[in-house]
Every structure is written in C-alpha cells, then in structure tokens.
Amino acid sequence: MNSNEGIVNLETDYLVIGAGAAGMAFVDEVLSRCKTSTFVISDQLARPGGHWNHAYPFVTLHQGSYFYGVNSEVLERDPREIDLSSKHEMLAYYDKVMRKFLASGRVTFLPQTSYQWREDGDEDHVVKSIILSGVTYHVTVRKKFVNACAQQIKVPSTHVPSYQIDKDVRENCVPINELGSLKRSYEEFVVIGNGKTGIDAVLYLLNQGVSPSSIRWVVSRELWWYDRKWFGPSSAQDFIIEIIRVLGEEDDTGAIFRRLEDKGILMRMQDDPDAEDPKLFRCATITKAERDAVQNIKEFVRLGHVTRITRDRIVFGDRGSIPTTANTLHV
C-alpha cells in the first residue's frame, strides 16, 4: 500500500462486482474449470449472499434448493424432497462457499467496497473502501470485468414505497422485514403487494395465529403462479418437457398460459371461470395448499396500485379508497 495515498494495487484475471448468487456462481464455475485463474470480488456488503442479507427473516426459497447455489457445493438437505432453504441457511451457505474460495489462494474478497465506474480511457478499475476512509484499490484486469449486479434485485427493506405515506401514519407502515420484530399488537393488517413477498406476509400472519378476518390483501394485478409440485426431483424433467411442448404448439401468449394452467403447471390465486386471465407472470411459486390457506382472509382489495395512505384511508388514485385505522398495520 502507498501509505501517503492509501492505494492498493492488485492484478487479477477476473474482477467480479457482486458476491450474490450470480457472482458466486460465476467464480465457482471458472475456479473449478481453470486451475490458474485468479479473482477479485468486490461487494458493498460485509458478507456474501447478495439480497439475502436484506431479506425478511422468515423468507425461504420458493423453489427447491437443488435449483440454487453453486455447482461445487450442495445446498439441499435432502435431494429427494422439495427442500426450501431459509434466509439463515442461505447466508451460512454462501459464507461456506466464500471460505472455500479464499482457501484456494486464488480469490481476494473486498467486502464493504464500492466499484467506481470508469471513464473512457481509464486503464485500471477502481474500487473504494466504504469502511476504511481513503483506501482505494486499483485493479488491473487481465481477462474480464464481470458485473454480477446488473439485475439490480430490490427487496422491500432497501427501497422506499412508491406511494405517499402521511406523516401521522408512518409508524403504522413497515416493510415485511419488521413483521418478525413488532413491538405492539394490531387489530388489523393490510398487506400491499400481490407477488411472492405479499403471499409470504399473509401466510406468516396466518401461521402466527392472526385471524383471517383481520387481514386484507391489496392485489393490484392478478398473477399467474407456478405450482411447486412440478419442481420436485421426480417431476422437474416432466415440467421442462411440458413447457417446451406447449411453446412449440402455441403461438398466442394467452393460449400458452391457459394450456399450462390446464396441465396444472400454472394456477390463479382464485378459480373464477368468469375472471379475466392474469396479465402478469413473475415465476412466483407456491403450493395449492398455500393458495387455499389465504382464501378466507377478510378481503382481496382489487383497486389497482396504492397511491397514498392517510390516517383513515388507503387511496388508489382515481379508482377509490378503503378505510383504515390507527390500529392497522400496513405491510
């Protein structure tokens, strides 16, 4: 290190930005296939695991663990079952993988560092320490620069809501992460968001003993959902075959989704023959038992996107509003 400027000069074959699922999988694959390649991994967080560091405490994978992780390290506990690893298992797993990387002597991990995007003509890549003031890494890359953060995965705890929350109701509006550490009880709960995170919140409340009559779920748009039974060790191959067959036989997008629904691969949140087909698909995966468990909640609110939460109303732009109270938690 240059003690006057705090500069550390590094050389590597691959500079990887991001120690999440994508970055770790890339390093693992190349590390195992090329016995001489070296790597520098930079991440803004203190430990590997990417968005799992920010995820809510009761989150699990929504598909089997054998679909996730890196090739050189088994994640699933039982390869015969649809095993859903928890947040804490995921973080422990990636810690283990990183320790294995470091033990190879060919990987340098720079936690709590920020990559400085280069100007045209810059030769070295610059990575600045977040925790050590004035420390900067100048990295010479011999082969490839790998941006493993391009997807920009967001979770509720890392960004603010897209709707307005009045000042006098802010303490009653929390990200899903805070459901596991509430300081008081509430008479009612309103879950905002209709994806996998939304149903996780509803199921968590029900599993904690909250009465279904105390839960409302804001469903801005209807989704298609995968049925998790197709992601088992004995059914995954059939799942792929059925998907390819339907894609090969149908040209219309709507027909593809309806065929997959007929096969039992996809399902709707509610079986209503008169309802329009869902217009959104995010690969969210649940079981029919989980879908059935949420059917008895107080209300599915289908008024579009929330635009504002006041002391006594939840507003949906020009589509109307529903009442709320000071003893309601908005998630």
Protein backbone atom coordinates (compact mmCIF):
# COMPACT_ATOMS: atom_id res chain seq x y z
CA MET A 1 0.00 0.00 0.00
CA ASN A 2 1.11 3.55 -0.69
CA SER A 3 0.76 4.97 2.83
CA ASN A 4 0.50 8.53 1.56
CA GLU A 5 -2.40 7.93 -0.79
CA GLY A 6 -3.94 4.75 0.64
CA ILE A 7 -3.74 2.99 -2.73
CA VAL A 8 -3.57 -0.80 -3.03
CA ASN A 9 -2.54 -2.14 -6.43
CA LEU A 10 -3.99 -5.52 -7.41
CA GLU A 11 -3.79 -7.70 -10.51
CA THR A 12 -6.31 -10.40 -11.35
CA ASP A 13 -7.76 -12.37 -14.23
CA TYR A 14 -11.36 -11.57 -13.30
CA LEU A 15 -12.80 -8.64 -11.34
CA VAL A 16 -16.31 -9.58 -10.19
CA ILE A 17 -18.67 -6.94 -8.83
CA GLY A 18 -21.20 -8.56 -6.51
CA ALA A 19 -20.95 -11.54 -4.15
CA GLY A 20 -24.56 -12.58 -4.60
CA ALA A 21 -25.93 -15.67 -6.32
CA ALA A 22 -24.76 -14.69 -9.83
CA GLY A 23 -21.28 -13.55 -8.87
CA MET A 24 -20.61 -16.54 -6.63
CA ALA A 25 -21.84 -18.99 -9.28
CA PHE A 26 -19.58 -17.42 -11.91
CA VAL A 27 -16.48 -17.58 -9.72
CA ASP A 28 -17.24 -21.14 -8.62
CA GLU A 29 -17.59 -22.39 -12.19
CA VAL A 30 -14.46 -20.75 -13.59
CA LEU A 31 -12.45 -21.54 -10.45
CA SER A 32 -13.24 -25.24 -10.80
CA ARG A 33 -12.60 -25.39 -14.56
CA CYS A 34 -9.42 -23.31 -14.77
CA LYS A 35 -6.80 -24.17 -12.16
CA THR A 36 -4.76 -20.99 -12.63
CA SER A 37 -7.36 -18.19 -12.89
CA THR A 38 -7.45 -15.56 -10.16
CA PHE A 39 -10.37 -13.42 -8.98
CA VAL A 40 -11.08 -10.23 -7.07
CA ILE A 41 -14.65 -9.98 -5.76
CA SER A 42 -15.99 -6.61 -4.63
CA ASP A 43 -19.25 -6.19 -2.74
CA GLN A 44 -20.80 -3.27 -0.86
CA LEU A 45 -21.96 -5.59 1.92
CA ALA A 46 -19.86 -7.13 4.68
CA ARG A 47 -20.65 -10.71 3.76
CA PRO A 48 -21.54 -12.69 0.64
CA GLY A 49 -25.12 -13.58 -0.21
CA GLY A 50 -26.37 -10.50 -2.05
CA HIS A 51 -30.02 -9.64 -1.45
CA TRP A 52 -30.35 -12.47 1.09
CA ASN A 53 -28.63 -10.14 3.56
CA HIS A 54 -31.61 -7.76 3.31
CA ALA A 55 -34.41 -10.33 3.03
CA TYR A 56 -37.12 -10.71 5.68
CA PRO A 57 -36.28 -13.18 8.47
CA PHE A 58 -38.90 -15.81 7.59
CA VAL A 59 -38.23 -15.91 3.83
CA THR A 60 -37.33 -19.18 2.12
CA LEU A 61 -36.56 -20.18 -1.42
CA HIS A 62 -39.81 -20.61 -3.34
CA GLN A 63 -38.42 -23.43 -5.47
CA GLY A 64 -36.31 -26.43 -4.47
CA SER A 65 -32.83 -25.77 -3.04
CA TYR A 66 -31.26 -28.08 -5.60
CA PHE A 67 -32.00 -25.41 -8.25
CA TYR A 68 -29.97 -22.82 -6.35
CA GLY A 69 -26.42 -22.14 -5.27
CA VAL A 70 -23.10 -23.10 -6.87
CA ASN A 71 -22.20 -26.35 -8.60
CA SER A 72 -19.36 -27.34 -6.29
CA GLU A 73 -21.33 -27.15 -3.03
CA VAL A 74 -24.61 -28.91 -2.21
CA LEU A 75 -27.30 -26.67 -0.72
CA GLU A 76 -30.27 -29.00 -0.28
CA ARG A 77 -30.63 -31.07 2.89
CA ASP A 78 -32.49 -33.91 1.19
CA PRO A 79 -32.21 -34.32 -2.60
CA ARG A 80 -35.34 -36.47 -2.61
CA GLU A 81 -37.57 -33.66 -1.35
CA ILE A 82 -38.54 -30.13 -2.38
CA ASP A 83 -36.29 -28.54 0.23
CA LEU A 84 -36.78 -24.77 0.77
CA SER A 85 -33.71 -23.23 2.38
CA SER A 86 -34.25 -20.35 4.80
CA LYS A 87 -32.54 -16.96 4.77
CA HIS A 88 -30.15 -18.02 7.50
CA GLU A 89 -29.29 -21.24 5.69
CA MET A 90 -28.62 -19.27 2.52
CA LEU A 91 -26.26 -16.85 4.27
CA ALA A 92 -24.43 -19.68 6.02
CA TYR A 93 -24.13 -21.48 2.70
CA TYR A 94 -22.57 -18.51 0.91
CA ASP A 95 -20.22 -17.91 3.85
CA LYS A 96 -19.06 -21.51 3.47
CA VAL A 97 -18.58 -21.13 -0.28
CA MET A 98 -16.60 -17.91 0.18
CA ARG A 99 -14.34 -19.56 2.77
CA LYS A 100 -13.67 -22.29 0.21
CA PHE A 101 -12.86 -19.68 -2.44
CA LEU A 102 -10.41 -17.92 -0.13
CA ALA A 103 -8.76 -21.19 0.86
CA SER A 104 -7.87 -21.77 -2.79
CA GLY A 105 -5.46 -18.85 -2.62
CA ARG A 106 -6.80 -17.56 -5.94
CA VAL A 107 -9.67 -15.38 -4.71
CA THR A 108 -9.47 -11.98 -2.99
CA PHE A 109 -12.67 -10.73 -1.38
CA LEU A 110 -13.10 -6.99 -0.84
CA PRO A 111 -16.18 -6.60 1.42
CA GLN A 112 -17.74 -3.21 2.01
CA THR A 113 -16.22 -1.70 -1.11
CA SER A 114 -17.78 0.30 -3.91
CA TYR A 115 -16.81 -0.04 -7.56
CA GLN A 116 -16.17 3.30 -9.28
CA TRP A 117 -17.48 3.14 -12.83
CA ARG A 118 -14.71 4.04 -15.25
CA GLU A 119 -14.45 6.94 -17.64
CA ASP A 120 -13.41 6.21 -21.21
CA GLY A 121 -9.66 5.80 -21.39
CA ASP A 122 -9.15 4.69 -17.78
CA GLU A 123 -6.82 1.72 -17.67
CA ASP A 124 -7.29 0.40 -14.15
CA HIS A 125 -10.53 -0.43 -12.40
CA VAL A 126 -11.01 1.48 -9.14
CA VAL A 127 -12.68 0.06 -6.04
CA LYS A 128 -13.04 2.25 -2.95
CA SER A 129 -13.39 1.02 0.61
CA ILE A 130 -16.61 2.09 2.29
CA ILE A 131 -15.40 1.46 5.84
CA LEU A 132 -11.73 2.50 5.51
CA SER A 133 -11.57 6.19 4.66
CA GLY A 134 -9.08 6.94 1.93
CA VAL A 135 -8.32 3.33 0.98
CA THR A 136 -8.65 2.68 -2.75
CA TYR A 137 -7.90 -0.45 -4.77
CA HIS A 138 -6.57 -0.06 -8.29
CA VAL A 139 -7.25 -3.34 -10.06
CA THR A 140 -5.59 -4.41 -13.29
CA VAL A 141 -7.78 -6.98 -15.05
CA ARG A 142 -6.04 -9.40 -17.40
CA LYS A 143 -9.13 -11.15 -18.78
CA LYS A 144 -12.64 -9.99 -17.90
CA PHE A 145 -14.58 -7.49 -15.83
CA VAL A 146 -17.82 -9.14 -14.63
CA ASN A 147 -20.77 -7.06 -13.43
CA ALA A 148 -22.80 -9.54 -11.36
CA CYS A 149 -25.12 -6.77 -10.07
CA ALA A 150 -26.72 -5.89 -13.39
CA GLN A 151 -30.13 -7.26 -12.38
CA GLN A 152 -30.37 -4.76 -9.52
CA ILE A 153 -32.53 -7.00 -7.35
CA LYS A 154 -34.59 -5.00 -4.87
CA VAL A 155 -36.30 -6.10 -1.69
CA PRO A 156 -38.75 -4.05 0.41
CA SER A 157 -36.21 -3.21 3.12
CA THR A 158 -33.84 -1.50 0.66
CA HIS A 159 -36.17 0.95 -1.07
CA VAL A 160 -38.97 3.31 -0.14
CA PRO A 161 -42.60 2.63 -1.16
CA SER A 162 -43.82 4.11 -4.43
CA TYR A 163 -46.85 5.64 -2.73
CA GLN A 164 -47.21 8.59 -0.37
CA ILE A 165 -47.46 7.93 3.36
CA ASP A 166 -48.77 10.77 5.52
CA LYS A 167 -46.52 11.71 8.41
CA ASP A 168 -49.02 10.82 11.14
CA VAL A 169 -49.37 7.21 9.90
CA ARG A 170 -45.75 6.36 9.08
CA GLU A 171 -45.17 4.33 12.23
CA ASN A 172 -48.01 2.04 11.07
CA CYS A 173 -46.37 1.37 7.68
CA VAL A 174 -43.47 -1.10 7.70
CA PRO A 175 -41.54 -3.30 5.27
CA ILE A 176 -42.21 -7.02 5.58
CA ASN A 177 -38.91 -7.44 7.47
CA GLU A 178 -40.41 -5.81 10.56
CA LEU A 179 -43.22 -8.34 10.89
CA GLY A 180 -40.81 -10.56 12.81
CA SER A 181 -39.94 -7.89 15.38
CA LEU A 182 -43.13 -5.95 16.13
CA LYS A 183 -43.26 -4.02 19.41
CA ARG A 184 -47.05 -3.98 19.73
CA SER A 185 -50.17 -5.77 18.52
CA TYR A 186 -52.66 -4.56 15.92
CA GLU A 187 -56.33 -5.16 15.28
CA GLU A 188 -55.93 -5.42 11.51
CA PHE A 189 -53.24 -5.92 8.88
CA VAL A 190 -53.17 -4.68 5.29
CA VAL A 191 -50.64 -6.40 3.04
CA ILE A 192 -49.70 -4.33 -0.01
CA GLY A 193 -48.25 -6.22 -2.97
CA ASN A 194 -49.52 -9.31 -4.75
CA GLY A 195 -46.31 -11.22 -5.55
CA LYS A 196 -44.42 -13.89 -3.65
CA THR A 197 -43.48 -11.41 -0.92
CA GLY A 198 -47.14 -10.47 -0.49
CA ILE A 199 -48.37 -14.03 -0.05
CA ASP A 200 -45.43 -14.73 2.28
CA ALA A 201 -46.63 -11.88 4.50
CA VAL A 202 -50.21 -13.18 4.53
CA LEU A 203 -49.11 -16.75 5.25
CA TYR A 204 -46.77 -15.57 8.02
CA LEU A 205 -49.61 -13.71 9.74
CA LEU A 206 -51.91 -16.71 9.46
CA ASN A 207 -49.20 -19.05 10.78
CA GLN A 208 -48.72 -16.74 13.77
CA GLY A 209 -52.39 -17.15 14.63
CA VAL A 210 -53.76 -13.89 13.24
CA SER A 211 -57.43 -14.32 12.39
CA PRO A 212 -58.16 -14.37 8.62
CA SER A 213 -60.88 -11.78 9.31
CA SER A 214 -58.15 -9.34 10.40
CA ILE A 215 -56.20 -9.45 7.12
CA ARG A 216 -56.77 -7.55 3.90
CA TRP A 217 -54.53 -8.09 0.88
CA VAL A 218 -54.08 -5.39 -1.78
CA VAL A 219 -53.79 -7.20 -5.11
CA SER A 220 -53.02 -4.55 -7.72
CA ARG A 221 -52.83 -7.01 -10.64
CA GLU A 222 -53.62 -10.69 -10.98
CA LEU A 223 -50.66 -13.06 -11.36
CA TRP A 224 -50.04 -16.48 -12.76
CA TRP A 225 -48.39 -18.75 -10.17
CA TYR A 226 -46.29 -21.87 -10.62
CA ASP A 227 -47.46 -24.95 -8.70
CA ARG A 228 -44.44 -26.04 -6.67
CA LYS A 229 -45.22 -29.76 -7.05
CA TRP A 230 -43.67 -29.58 -10.53
CA PHE A 231 -40.29 -28.63 -9.08
CA GLY A 232 -39.64 -31.90 -7.27
CA PRO A 233 -36.70 -34.20 -8.10
CA SER A 234 -39.01 -36.66 -9.86
CA SER A 235 -41.11 -34.09 -11.74
CA ALA A 236 -38.68 -31.37 -12.90
CA GLN A 237 -37.91 -33.18 -16.16
CA ASP A 238 -41.61 -33.58 -16.95
CA PHE A 239 -42.07 -29.88 -16.19
CA ILE A 240 -39.43 -28.90 -18.78
CA ILE A 241 -40.89 -31.28 -21.38
CA GLU A 242 -44.40 -29.90 -20.93
CA ILE A 243 -43.21 -26.28 -21.17
CA ILE A 244 -41.29 -26.96 -24.39
CA ARG A 245 -44.21 -28.89 -25.90
CA VAL A 246 -46.70 -26.09 -25.23
CA LEU A 247 -44.32 -23.40 -26.53
CA GLY A 248 -43.84 -25.42 -29.69
CA GLU A 249 -47.55 -25.93 -30.30
CA GLU A 250 -48.95 -22.49 -29.46
CA ASP A 251 -48.23 -19.08 -30.92
CA ASP A 252 -50.61 -16.97 -28.85
CA THR A 253 -49.32 -15.90 -25.42
CA GLY A 254 -52.73 -16.23 -23.80
CA ALA A 255 -53.16 -19.73 -25.22
CA ILE A 256 -49.77 -20.75 -23.84
CA PHE A 257 -50.69 -19.71 -20.32
CA ARG A 258 -54.13 -21.35 -20.50
CA ARG A 259 -52.58 -24.61 -21.74
CA LEU A 260 -50.10 -24.56 -18.87
CA GLU A 261 -52.99 -23.93 -16.50
CA ASP A 262 -54.84 -26.93 -17.93
CA LYS A 263 -51.71 -29.02 -17.35
CA GLY A 264 -51.66 -27.92 -13.72
CA ILE A 265 -48.31 -26.16 -14.09
CA LEU A 266 -49.77 -22.69 -13.62
CA MET A 267 -52.62 -21.57 -11.41
CA ARG A 268 -54.52 -18.44 -10.47
CA MET A 269 -54.98 -17.09 -6.99
CA GLN A 270 -58.73 -17.71 -7.27
CA ASP A 271 -60.51 -20.13 -9.60
CA ASP A 272 -63.15 -17.92 -11.15
CA PRO A 273 -64.27 -19.08 -14.62
CA ASP A 274 -65.65 -15.61 -15.37
CA ALA A 275 -62.48 -13.71 -14.42
CA GLU A 276 -60.06 -12.32 -16.98
CA ASP A 277 -56.76 -14.11 -17.43
CA PRO A 278 -53.92 -12.73 -15.30
CA LYS A 279 -51.69 -10.28 -17.19
CA LEU A 280 -48.57 -10.71 -15.05
CA PHE A 281 -46.14 -13.59 -14.59
CA ARG A 282 -43.03 -13.39 -12.37
CA CYS A 283 -42.28 -17.10 -11.89
CA ALA A 284 -43.59 -16.93 -8.31
CA THR A 285 -44.04 -20.46 -6.97
CA ILE A 286 -46.47 -21.67 -4.30
CA THR A 287 -48.43 -24.79 -3.44
CA LYS A 288 -52.17 -25.23 -3.81
CA ALA A 289 -52.32 -25.60 -0.03
CA GLU A 290 -50.74 -22.16 0.38
CA ARG A 291 -53.14 -20.67 -2.15
CA ASP A 292 -56.11 -22.25 -0.39
CA ALA A 293 -54.90 -21.04 3.02
CA VAL A 294 -55.27 -17.38 2.08
CA GLN A 295 -58.76 -17.63 0.55
CA ASN A 296 -60.56 -16.91 3.82
CA ILE A 297 -58.93 -13.60 4.64
CA LYS A 298 -61.21 -10.63 5.15
CA GLU A 299 -60.75 -9.06 1.72
CA PHE A 300 -58.80 -9.12 -1.51
CA VAL A 301 -58.63 -5.44 -2.49
CA ARG A 302 -58.56 -5.13 -6.27
CA LEU A 303 -58.47 -1.38 -6.92
CA GLY A 304 -55.07 -1.14 -8.57
CA HIS A 305 -51.98 0.45 -7.06
CA VAL A 306 -51.93 2.29 -3.74
CA THR A 307 -51.13 5.98 -4.22
CA ARG A 308 -51.46 7.28 -0.66
CA ILE A 309 -52.05 6.14 2.90
CA THR A 310 -53.65 8.66 5.28
CA ARG A 311 -54.70 8.35 8.89
CA ASP A 312 -58.06 6.88 7.94
CA ARG A 313 -57.94 5.98 4.20
CA ILE A 314 -55.91 3.91 1.75
CA VAL A 315 -56.19 5.72 -1.59
CA PHE A 316 -55.98 4.11 -5.04
CA GLY A 317 -55.76 7.20 -7.24
CA ASP A 318 -59.00 7.81 -9.11
CA ARG A 319 -60.18 4.23 -8.51
CA GLY A 320 -61.33 4.92 -4.99
CA SER A 321 -60.20 4.24 -1.43
CA ILE A 322 -60.82 1.93 1.52
CA PRO A 323 -60.93 2.76 5.23
CA THR A 324 -58.05 2.16 7.60
CA THR A 325 -57.43 2.93 11.27
CA ALA A 326 -54.68 3.90 13.68
CA ASN A 327 -54.69 0.30 14.90
CA THR A 328 -53.97 -1.18 11.47
CA LEU A 329 -50.50 -2.20 10.34
CA HIS A 330 -49.74 -1.63 6.66
CA VAL A 331 -47.11 -4.04 5.30
